Amino acid sequence: MGLETTKELKDYGVRVNRLVDEFENQIHAHLNEEYVKSTKWSDKLADKIAEFGGSWKFINIFFAVLVVWIVVNTMSFTKVIHFDEPPFILLNLVLSFLAGFQAPIIMMSQNRQAARDKQETIIDFAINYKAEQEIDDMQGHLHRIEADFAEFRSEVKEELAEIKQLLKSK
């Protein structure tokens, strides 16, 4: 295979990869548009809560609030403002409410994300299936070219043998 042919194939491969990437980006953009259009405000709120509730920012803030709560309610110099002395019954109530509301909200968000992932998986499957068909088609073309080239080689061989025979006979 010549240098020009290798370069052409490489350029073709780059073009095909770029086209596939652009196609996938368009599909994902379309999915995002559909998701934004079909998502209710309550679902978007649940997504925001789940995003915050599952972040390090939330964990750090929550940890700081717990430390402040415990320090304020246990230190002797803050006795005047104690509002939840040990065993922290109010804190347990707040934590129970937080867990009771946060868990279903996060589950709703995860269910929507799972549905969206399933939709993307179906599209990925369709793209992969189409690519497999294209590869099979290209392999068929290559096999036909190989067969044609083999036939051409045998014809050239035969003709060359005839030419040699004619040259010998002269």
N, C-alpha and C. Protein backbone atom coordinates (compact mmCIF):
# COMPACT_ATOMS: atom_id res chain seq x y z
N MET A 1 0.85 -1.16 0.00
CA MET A 1 0.00 0.00 0.00
C MET A 1 0.90 1.23 0.00
N GLY A 2 0.64 2.17 -0.88
CA GLY A 2 1.48 3.34 -1.02
C GLY A 2 1.26 4.34 0.10
N LEU A 3 2.17 5.28 0.21
CA LEU A 3 2.10 6.31 1.23
C LEU A 3 0.86 7.17 1.06
N GLU A 4 0.55 7.50 -0.21
CA GLU A 4 -0.63 8.33 -0.47
C GLU A 4 -1.91 7.61 -0.04
N THR A 5 -1.99 6.32 -0.32
CA THR A 5 -3.17 5.55 0.03
C THR A 5 -3.32 5.48 1.55
N THR A 6 -2.22 5.28 2.27
CA THR A 6 -2.26 5.24 3.73
C THR A 6 -2.73 6.57 4.29
N LYS A 7 -2.22 7.67 3.71
CA LYS A 7 -2.62 9.01 4.15
C LYS A 7 -4.10 9.24 3.87
N GLU A 8 -4.56 8.82 2.70
CA GLU A 8 -5.98 8.97 2.35
C GLU A 8 -6.86 8.18 3.32
N LEU A 9 -6.44 6.95 3.63
CA LEU A 9 -7.22 6.14 4.57
C LEU A 9 -7.24 6.78 5.96
N LYS A 10 -6.10 7.32 6.38
CA LYS A 10 -6.03 7.98 7.68
C LYS A 10 -6.94 9.20 7.70
N ASP A 11 -6.88 10.02 6.64
CA ASP A 11 -7.75 11.20 6.54
C ASP A 11 -9.21 10.78 6.54
N TYR A 12 -9.52 9.71 5.83
CA TYR A 12 -10.89 9.21 5.78
C TYR A 12 -11.33 8.76 7.17
N GLY A 13 -10.44 8.06 7.88
CA GLY A 13 -10.75 7.61 9.24
C GLY A 13 -10.99 8.77 10.17
N VAL A 14 -10.18 9.82 10.05
CA VAL A 14 -10.35 11.01 10.88
C VAL A 14 -11.70 11.66 10.58
N ARG A 15 -12.03 11.76 9.28
CA ARG A 15 -13.32 12.35 8.89
C ARG A 15 -14.48 11.55 9.44
N VAL A 16 -14.41 10.23 9.33
CA VAL A 16 -15.48 9.36 9.82
C VAL A 16 -15.62 9.51 11.33
N ASN A 17 -14.51 9.51 12.05
CA ASN A 17 -14.55 9.69 13.51
C ASN A 17 -15.16 11.02 13.89
N ARG A 18 -14.79 12.08 13.16
CA ARG A 18 -15.36 13.40 13.43
C ARG A 18 -16.86 13.40 13.19
N LEU A 19 -17.29 12.77 12.10
CA LEU A 19 -18.72 12.71 11.80
C LEU A 19 -19.48 11.93 12.86
N VAL A 20 -18.91 10.82 13.31
CA VAL A 20 -19.57 10.02 14.36
C VAL A 20 -19.67 10.83 15.64
N ASP A 21 -18.59 11.54 16.01
CA ASP A 21 -18.62 12.37 17.21
C ASP A 21 -19.67 13.47 17.11
N GLU A 22 -19.74 14.12 15.94
CA GLU A 22 -20.75 15.16 15.74
C GLU A 22 -22.16 14.59 15.84
N PHE A 23 -22.36 13.41 15.26
CA PHE A 23 -23.67 12.76 15.31
C PHE A 23 -24.05 12.43 16.75
N GLU A 24 -23.11 11.88 17.51
CA GLU A 24 -23.39 11.56 18.91
C GLU A 24 -23.68 12.81 19.71
N ASN A 25 -22.93 13.89 19.46
CA ASN A 25 -23.18 15.15 20.16
C ASN A 25 -24.57 15.70 19.84
N GLN A 26 -24.98 15.58 18.58
CA GLN A 26 -26.32 16.03 18.21
C GLN A 26 -27.39 15.21 18.92
N ILE A 27 -27.18 13.90 19.01
CA ILE A 27 -28.14 13.03 19.69
C ILE A 27 -28.23 13.39 21.16
N HIS A 28 -27.07 13.58 21.79
CA HIS A 28 -27.06 13.92 23.21
C HIS A 28 -27.69 15.30 23.44
N ALA A 29 -27.43 16.24 22.55
CA ALA A 29 -28.05 17.56 22.68
C ALA A 29 -29.56 17.44 22.55
N HIS A 30 -30.01 16.61 21.60
CA HIS A 30 -31.45 16.39 21.43
C HIS A 30 -32.05 15.74 22.68
N LEU A 31 -31.34 14.76 23.22
CA LEU A 31 -31.81 14.12 24.46
C LEU A 31 -31.90 15.13 25.59
N ASN A 32 -30.90 16.01 25.70
CA ASN A 32 -30.91 17.02 26.75
C ASN A 32 -32.08 17.98 26.56
N GLU A 33 -32.34 18.38 25.31
CA GLU A 33 -33.48 19.26 25.03
C GLU A 33 -34.79 18.59 25.43
N GLU A 34 -34.94 17.32 25.04
CA GLU A 34 -36.15 16.57 25.39
C GLU A 34 -36.29 16.44 26.90
N TYR A 35 -35.17 16.20 27.56
CA TYR A 35 -35.20 16.04 29.02
C TYR A 35 -35.63 17.35 29.68
N VAL A 36 -35.08 18.46 29.21
CA VAL A 36 -35.43 19.76 29.79
C VAL A 36 -36.90 20.07 29.53
N LYS A 37 -37.38 19.78 28.32
CA LYS A 37 -38.78 20.05 27.98
C LYS A 37 -39.75 19.19 28.78
N SER A 38 -39.40 17.93 28.98
CA SER A 38 -40.35 17.00 29.61
C SER A 38 -40.23 16.96 31.13
N THR A 39 -39.23 17.63 31.69
CA THR A 39 -39.04 17.59 33.13
C THR A 39 -39.84 18.70 33.80
N LYS A 40 -40.64 18.30 34.79
CA LYS A 40 -41.44 19.27 35.55
C LYS A 40 -40.55 20.01 36.53
N TRP A 41 -41.05 21.15 37.05
CA TRP A 41 -40.27 21.93 38.00
C TRP A 41 -39.98 21.12 39.26
N SER A 42 -40.91 20.28 39.67
CA SER A 42 -40.70 19.48 40.88
C SER A 42 -39.58 18.45 40.65
N ASP A 43 -39.51 17.92 39.43
CA ASP A 43 -38.44 16.98 39.11
C ASP A 43 -37.08 17.69 39.07
N LYS A 44 -37.07 18.90 38.53
CA LYS A 44 -35.83 19.67 38.50
C LYS A 44 -35.38 20.01 39.92
N LEU A 45 -36.36 20.34 40.79
CA LEU A 45 -36.04 20.63 42.19
C LEU A 45 -35.46 19.38 42.86
N ALA A 46 -36.08 18.23 42.59
CA ALA A 46 -35.57 16.97 43.16
C ALA A 46 -34.15 16.69 42.67
N ASP A 47 -33.89 16.98 41.40
CA ASP A 47 -32.54 16.78 40.86
C ASP A 47 -31.53 17.69 41.55
N LYS A 48 -31.92 18.95 41.78
CA LYS A 48 -31.02 19.89 42.46
C LYS A 48 -30.76 19.45 43.90
N ILE A 49 -31.83 19.02 44.58
CA ILE A 49 -31.67 18.55 45.97
C ILE A 49 -30.77 17.32 46.00
N ALA A 50 -31.00 16.38 45.08
CA ALA A 50 -30.17 15.17 45.03
C ALA A 50 -28.72 15.51 44.69
N GLU A 51 -28.54 16.48 43.79
CA GLU A 51 -27.19 16.89 43.42
C GLU A 51 -26.46 17.47 44.63
N PHE A 52 -27.17 18.32 45.40
CA PHE A 52 -26.55 18.91 46.58
C PHE A 52 -26.41 17.89 47.70
N GLY A 53 -27.44 17.07 47.91
CA GLY A 53 -27.43 16.09 48.98
C GLY A 53 -26.39 15.00 48.79
N GLY A 54 -25.92 14.81 47.59
CA GLY A 54 -24.92 13.79 47.32
C GLY A 54 -23.55 14.38 47.04
N SER A 55 -23.29 15.57 47.59
CA SER A 55 -22.01 16.23 47.32
C SER A 55 -21.18 16.36 48.59
N TRP A 56 -19.89 16.60 48.39
CA TRP A 56 -19.00 16.83 49.52
C TRP A 56 -19.36 18.14 50.22
N LYS A 57 -19.86 19.09 49.46
CA LYS A 57 -20.27 20.37 50.05
C LYS A 57 -21.34 20.13 51.12
N PHE A 58 -22.33 19.30 50.78
CA PHE A 58 -23.39 18.97 51.75
C PHE A 58 -22.81 18.27 52.97
N ILE A 59 -21.94 17.31 52.73
CA ILE A 59 -21.35 16.55 53.84
C ILE A 59 -20.57 17.49 54.76
N ASN A 60 -19.79 18.38 54.19
CA ASN A 60 -19.01 19.32 55.01
C ASN A 60 -19.91 20.27 55.80
N ILE A 61 -20.92 20.84 55.14
CA ILE A 61 -21.85 21.74 55.82
C ILE A 61 -22.60 20.98 56.91
N PHE A 62 -23.06 19.78 56.59
CA PHE A 62 -23.81 18.98 57.54
C PHE A 62 -22.94 18.63 58.75
N PHE A 63 -21.70 18.27 58.50
CA PHE A 63 -20.77 17.96 59.58
C PHE A 63 -20.57 19.18 60.48
N ALA A 64 -20.38 20.35 59.86
CA ALA A 64 -20.18 21.59 60.62
C ALA A 64 -21.41 21.91 61.47
N VAL A 65 -22.60 21.74 60.90
CA VAL A 65 -23.83 22.01 61.65
C VAL A 65 -23.94 21.05 62.84
N LEU A 66 -23.64 19.79 62.62
CA LEU A 66 -23.70 18.81 63.72
C LEU A 66 -22.72 19.17 64.83
N VAL A 67 -21.50 19.55 64.46
CA VAL A 67 -20.49 19.91 65.46
C VAL A 67 -20.95 21.13 66.25
N VAL A 68 -21.44 22.16 65.53
CA VAL A 68 -21.92 23.37 66.21
C VAL A 68 -23.09 23.03 67.13
N TRP A 69 -24.03 22.23 66.63
CA TRP A 69 -25.20 21.82 67.43
C TRP A 69 -24.75 21.15 68.73
N ILE A 70 -23.86 20.19 68.60
CA ILE A 70 -23.40 19.44 69.78
C ILE A 70 -22.61 20.33 70.72
N VAL A 71 -21.72 21.17 70.18
CA VAL A 71 -20.91 22.06 71.03
C VAL A 71 -21.81 23.04 71.76
N VAL A 72 -22.72 23.67 71.05
CA VAL A 72 -23.62 24.66 71.67
C VAL A 72 -24.46 24.01 72.77
N ASN A 73 -24.86 22.79 72.59
CA ASN A 73 -25.75 22.16 73.56
C ASN A 73 -25.04 21.35 74.65
N THR A 74 -23.72 21.30 74.64
CA THR A 74 -23.02 20.53 75.66
C THR A 74 -22.06 21.36 76.50
N MET A 75 -21.57 22.44 76.01
CA MET A 75 -20.58 23.24 76.75
C MET A 75 -21.26 24.00 77.89
N SER A 76 -20.52 24.12 78.95
CA SER A 76 -21.08 24.77 80.14
C SER A 76 -21.21 26.28 79.94
N PHE A 77 -20.31 26.88 79.15
CA PHE A 77 -20.40 28.34 78.95
C PHE A 77 -21.53 28.74 78.00
N THR A 78 -22.15 27.76 77.32
CA THR A 78 -23.31 28.05 76.46
C THR A 78 -24.60 27.57 77.11
N LYS A 79 -24.58 27.36 78.43
CA LYS A 79 -25.73 26.82 79.16
C LYS A 79 -26.99 27.66 78.93
N VAL A 80 -26.84 28.95 78.74
CA VAL A 80 -27.98 29.85 78.58
C VAL A 80 -28.74 29.56 77.30
N ILE A 81 -28.03 29.11 76.24
CA ILE A 81 -28.69 28.91 74.95
C ILE A 81 -28.90 27.43 74.61
N HIS A 82 -28.75 26.54 75.58
CA HIS A 82 -29.01 25.12 75.30
C HIS A 82 -30.46 24.95 74.87
N PHE A 83 -30.66 24.36 73.72
CA PHE A 83 -32.02 24.10 73.24
C PHE A 83 -32.27 22.62 73.01
N ASP A 84 -31.21 21.81 73.07
CA ASP A 84 -31.34 20.36 72.87
C ASP A 84 -30.21 19.66 73.61
N GLU A 85 -30.40 19.50 74.89
CA GLU A 85 -29.34 18.89 75.71
C GLU A 85 -29.26 17.40 75.42
N PRO A 86 -28.09 16.79 75.74
CA PRO A 86 -27.95 15.35 75.53
C PRO A 86 -29.12 14.62 76.19
N PRO A 87 -29.68 13.66 75.57
CA PRO A 87 -29.28 12.81 74.44
C PRO A 87 -29.71 13.33 73.07
N PHE A 88 -29.86 14.63 72.91
CA PHE A 88 -30.11 15.28 71.61
C PHE A 88 -31.36 14.73 70.90
N ILE A 89 -32.47 14.80 71.57
CA ILE A 89 -33.73 14.29 71.02
C ILE A 89 -34.16 15.11 69.80
N LEU A 90 -34.02 16.43 69.89
CA LEU A 90 -34.39 17.29 68.75
C LEU A 90 -33.47 17.02 67.55
N LEU A 91 -32.19 16.82 67.83
CA LEU A 91 -31.25 16.49 66.74
C LEU A 91 -31.66 15.17 66.07
N ASN A 92 -32.02 14.17 66.86
CA ASN A 92 -32.49 12.91 66.28
C ASN A 92 -33.73 13.11 65.43
N LEU A 93 -34.64 13.96 65.87
CA LEU A 93 -35.85 14.26 65.09
C LEU A 93 -35.49 14.94 63.77
N VAL A 94 -34.59 15.91 63.83
CA VAL A 94 -34.16 16.62 62.61
C VAL A 94 -33.48 15.64 61.65
N LEU A 95 -32.60 14.79 62.18
CA LEU A 95 -31.91 13.81 61.32
C LEU A 95 -32.89 12.82 60.70
N SER A 96 -33.91 12.41 61.47
CA SER A 96 -34.93 11.49 60.94
C SER A 96 -35.72 12.15 59.82
N PHE A 97 -36.11 13.41 60.03
CA PHE A 97 -36.84 14.14 58.98
C PHE A 97 -35.97 14.29 57.73
N LEU A 98 -34.72 14.65 57.94
CA LEU A 98 -33.80 14.83 56.80
C LEU A 98 -33.67 13.52 56.01
N ALA A 99 -33.45 12.42 56.72
CA ALA A 99 -33.31 11.13 56.04
C ALA A 99 -34.62 10.72 55.38
N GLY A 100 -35.72 10.99 56.07
CA GLY A 100 -37.04 10.61 55.53
C GLY A 100 -37.39 11.34 54.25
N PHE A 101 -36.96 12.58 54.11
CA PHE A 101 -37.27 13.34 52.90
C PHE A 101 -36.17 13.23 51.85
N GLN A 102 -34.94 13.19 52.29
CA GLN A 102 -33.83 13.18 51.34
C GLN A 102 -33.76 11.88 50.55
N ALA A 103 -33.97 10.76 51.19
CA ALA A 103 -33.84 9.46 50.51
C ALA A 103 -34.83 9.31 49.35
N PRO A 104 -36.14 9.58 49.54
CA PRO A 104 -37.04 9.44 48.38
C PRO A 104 -36.76 10.44 47.27
N ILE A 105 -36.33 11.64 47.64
CA ILE A 105 -36.01 12.64 46.62
C ILE A 105 -34.83 12.17 45.78
N ILE A 106 -33.80 11.64 46.44
CA ILE A 106 -32.64 11.12 45.72
C ILE A 106 -33.04 9.93 44.86
N MET A 107 -33.92 9.08 45.38
CA MET A 107 -34.39 7.92 44.59
C MET A 107 -35.16 8.38 43.35
N MET A 108 -36.01 9.40 43.48
CA MET A 108 -36.74 9.92 42.32
C MET A 108 -35.76 10.40 41.26
N SER A 109 -34.76 11.14 41.70
CA SER A 109 -33.76 11.66 40.77
C SER A 109 -33.00 10.52 40.10
N GLN A 110 -32.64 9.50 40.87
CA GLN A 110 -31.92 8.37 40.30
C GLN A 110 -32.79 7.59 39.32
N ASN A 111 -34.08 7.47 39.60
CA ASN A 111 -34.98 6.77 38.68
C ASN A 111 -35.07 7.51 37.34
N ARG A 112 -35.15 8.85 37.40
CA ARG A 112 -35.19 9.63 36.16
C ARG A 112 -33.87 9.49 35.40
N GLN A 113 -32.76 9.51 36.13
CA GLN A 113 -31.47 9.36 35.48
C GLN A 113 -31.34 7.97 34.86
N ALA A 114 -31.86 6.95 35.54
CA ALA A 114 -31.80 5.58 34.99
C ALA A 114 -32.63 5.50 33.71
N ALA A 115 -33.80 6.14 33.68
CA ALA A 115 -34.63 6.14 32.47
C ALA A 115 -33.90 6.85 31.33
N ARG A 116 -33.24 7.95 31.66
CA ARG A 116 -32.49 8.69 30.64
C ARG A 116 -31.30 7.85 30.14
N ASP A 117 -30.61 7.18 31.06
CA ASP A 117 -29.50 6.31 30.66
C ASP A 117 -29.98 5.18 29.77
N LYS A 118 -31.17 4.64 30.06
CA LYS A 118 -31.72 3.57 29.23
C LYS A 118 -31.98 4.08 27.82
N GLN A 119 -32.51 5.29 27.72
CA GLN A 119 -32.77 5.88 26.41
C GLN A 119 -31.45 6.06 25.65
N GLU A 120 -30.42 6.55 26.33
CA GLU A 120 -29.12 6.73 25.69
C GLU A 120 -28.52 5.38 25.27
N THR A 121 -28.75 4.35 26.09
CA THR A 121 -28.25 3.02 25.77
C THR A 121 -28.90 2.49 24.49
N ILE A 122 -30.19 2.72 24.36
CA ILE A 122 -30.91 2.28 23.16
C ILE A 122 -30.34 2.98 21.93
N ILE A 123 -30.07 4.27 22.06
CA ILE A 123 -29.51 5.03 20.93
C ILE A 123 -28.10 4.54 20.63
N ASP A 124 -27.31 4.29 21.67
CA ASP A 124 -25.96 3.75 21.46
C ASP A 124 -26.02 2.40 20.76
N PHE A 125 -26.98 1.56 21.16
CA PHE A 125 -27.13 0.26 20.51
C PHE A 125 -27.45 0.43 19.02
N ALA A 126 -28.36 1.38 18.73
CA ALA A 126 -28.73 1.62 17.33
C ALA A 126 -27.52 2.10 16.53
N ILE A 127 -26.73 2.97 17.12
CA ILE A 127 -25.52 3.46 16.44
C ILE A 127 -24.55 2.32 16.21
N ASN A 128 -24.34 1.50 17.24
CA ASN A 128 -23.42 0.37 17.11
C ASN A 128 -23.91 -0.64 16.08
N TYR A 129 -25.21 -0.87 16.05
CA TYR A 129 -25.78 -1.80 15.07
C TYR A 129 -25.56 -1.27 13.66
N LYS A 130 -25.82 0.01 13.46
CA LYS A 130 -25.61 0.63 12.15
C LYS A 130 -24.13 0.56 11.76
N ALA A 131 -23.24 0.81 12.72
CA ALA A 131 -21.80 0.74 12.43
C ALA A 131 -21.41 -0.69 12.06
N GLU A 132 -21.99 -1.67 12.74
CA GLU A 132 -21.69 -3.07 12.42
C GLU A 132 -22.15 -3.41 11.01
N GLN A 133 -23.32 -2.90 10.63
CA GLN A 133 -23.81 -3.13 9.26
C GLN A 133 -22.87 -2.50 8.24
N GLU A 134 -22.41 -1.29 8.54
CA GLU A 134 -21.48 -0.61 7.64
C GLU A 134 -20.18 -1.39 7.52
N ILE A 135 -19.69 -1.92 8.63
CA ILE A 135 -18.44 -2.71 8.61
C ILE A 135 -18.63 -3.98 7.79
N ASP A 136 -19.77 -4.64 7.99
CA ASP A 136 -20.06 -5.84 7.19
C ASP A 136 -20.11 -5.50 5.71
N ASP A 137 -20.73 -4.38 5.38
CA ASP A 137 -20.82 -3.94 3.99
C ASP A 137 -19.42 -3.66 3.42
N MET A 138 -18.58 -2.99 4.21
CA MET A 138 -17.22 -2.70 3.75
C MET A 138 -16.42 -3.99 3.59
N GLN A 139 -16.61 -4.95 4.51
CA GLN A 139 -15.91 -6.23 4.37
C GLN A 139 -16.36 -6.96 3.11
N GLY A 140 -17.65 -6.88 2.80
CA GLY A 140 -18.15 -7.48 1.56
C GLY A 140 -17.49 -6.86 0.35
N HIS A 141 -17.38 -5.51 0.36
CA HIS A 141 -16.70 -4.82 -0.74
C HIS A 141 -15.24 -5.27 -0.83
N LEU A 142 -14.57 -5.36 0.31
CA LEU A 142 -13.17 -5.79 0.30
C LEU A 142 -13.03 -7.21 -0.25
N HIS A 143 -13.93 -8.11 0.13
CA HIS A 143 -13.86 -9.49 -0.38
C HIS A 143 -14.08 -9.51 -1.89
N ARG A 144 -15.02 -8.69 -2.37
CA ARG A 144 -15.24 -8.62 -3.82
C ARG A 144 -14.00 -8.06 -4.52
N ILE A 145 -13.39 -7.03 -3.94
CA ILE A 145 -12.18 -6.46 -4.54
C ILE A 145 -11.06 -7.50 -4.54
N GLU A 146 -10.93 -8.24 -3.43
CA GLU A 146 -9.92 -9.30 -3.35
C GLU A 146 -10.15 -10.35 -4.44
N ALA A 147 -11.41 -10.76 -4.60
CA ALA A 147 -11.72 -11.78 -5.60
C ALA A 147 -11.43 -11.24 -7.00
N ASP A 148 -11.83 -9.99 -7.25
CA ASP A 148 -11.56 -9.38 -8.56
C ASP A 148 -10.06 -9.28 -8.80
N PHE A 149 -9.31 -8.91 -7.76
CA PHE A 149 -7.86 -8.78 -7.92
C PHE A 149 -7.23 -10.15 -8.16
N ALA A 150 -7.71 -11.16 -7.45
CA ALA A 150 -7.17 -12.52 -7.67
C ALA A 150 -7.45 -12.96 -9.10
N GLU A 151 -8.66 -12.68 -9.57
CA GLU A 151 -9.02 -13.04 -10.96
C GLU A 151 -8.13 -12.26 -11.93
N PHE A 152 -7.93 -10.98 -11.65
CA PHE A 152 -7.08 -10.15 -12.50
C PHE A 152 -5.65 -10.69 -12.53
N ARG A 153 -5.14 -11.07 -11.36
CA ARG A 153 -3.78 -11.62 -11.29
C ARG A 153 -3.66 -12.90 -12.12
N SER A 154 -4.66 -13.76 -12.00
CA SER A 154 -4.58 -15.02 -12.77
C SER A 154 -4.66 -14.73 -14.26
N GLU A 155 -5.51 -13.77 -14.66
CA GLU A 155 -5.59 -13.41 -16.08
C GLU A 155 -4.26 -12.85 -16.56
N VAL A 156 -3.67 -11.97 -15.75
CA VAL A 156 -2.38 -11.37 -16.12
C VAL A 156 -1.32 -12.47 -16.21
N LYS A 157 -1.35 -13.40 -15.28
CA LYS A 157 -0.39 -14.51 -15.28
C LYS A 157 -0.53 -15.32 -16.55
N GLU A 158 -1.78 -15.62 -16.90
CA GLU A 158 -2.03 -16.41 -18.12
C GLU A 158 -1.56 -15.66 -19.35
N GLU A 159 -1.90 -14.36 -19.40
CA GLU A 159 -1.49 -13.56 -20.55
C GLU A 159 0.02 -13.42 -20.62
N LEU A 160 0.64 -13.28 -19.46
CA LEU A 160 2.10 -13.19 -19.41
C LEU A 160 2.73 -14.49 -19.89
N ALA A 161 2.13 -15.60 -19.50
CA ALA A 161 2.64 -16.91 -19.94
C ALA A 161 2.48 -17.03 -21.46
N GLU A 162 1.34 -16.55 -21.99
CA GLU A 162 1.14 -16.59 -23.44
C GLU A 162 2.15 -15.70 -24.16
N ILE A 163 2.40 -14.53 -23.59
CA ILE A 163 3.37 -13.61 -24.21
C ILE A 163 4.76 -14.24 -24.20
N LYS A 164 5.13 -14.85 -23.09
CA LYS A 164 6.43 -15.53 -23.01
C LYS A 164 6.51 -16.65 -24.04
N GLN A 165 5.41 -17.38 -24.17
CA GLN A 165 5.37 -18.48 -25.11
C GLN A 165 5.55 -17.94 -26.55
N LEU A 166 4.86 -16.85 -26.87
CA LEU A 166 4.99 -16.24 -28.19
C LEU A 166 6.41 -15.74 -28.44
N LEU A 167 6.99 -15.15 -27.39
CA LEU A 167 8.36 -14.64 -27.54
C LEU A 167 9.34 -15.79 -27.74
N LYS A 168 9.14 -16.89 -27.07
CA LYS A 168 10.02 -18.05 -27.22
C LYS A 168 9.89 -18.64 -28.61
N SER A 169 8.68 -18.66 -29.12
CA SER A 169 8.46 -19.27 -30.41
C SER A 169 9.05 -18.43 -31.56
N LYS A 170 9.34 -17.19 -31.37
CA LYS A 170 9.92 -16.37 -32.43
C LYS A 170 11.35 -16.54 -32.53
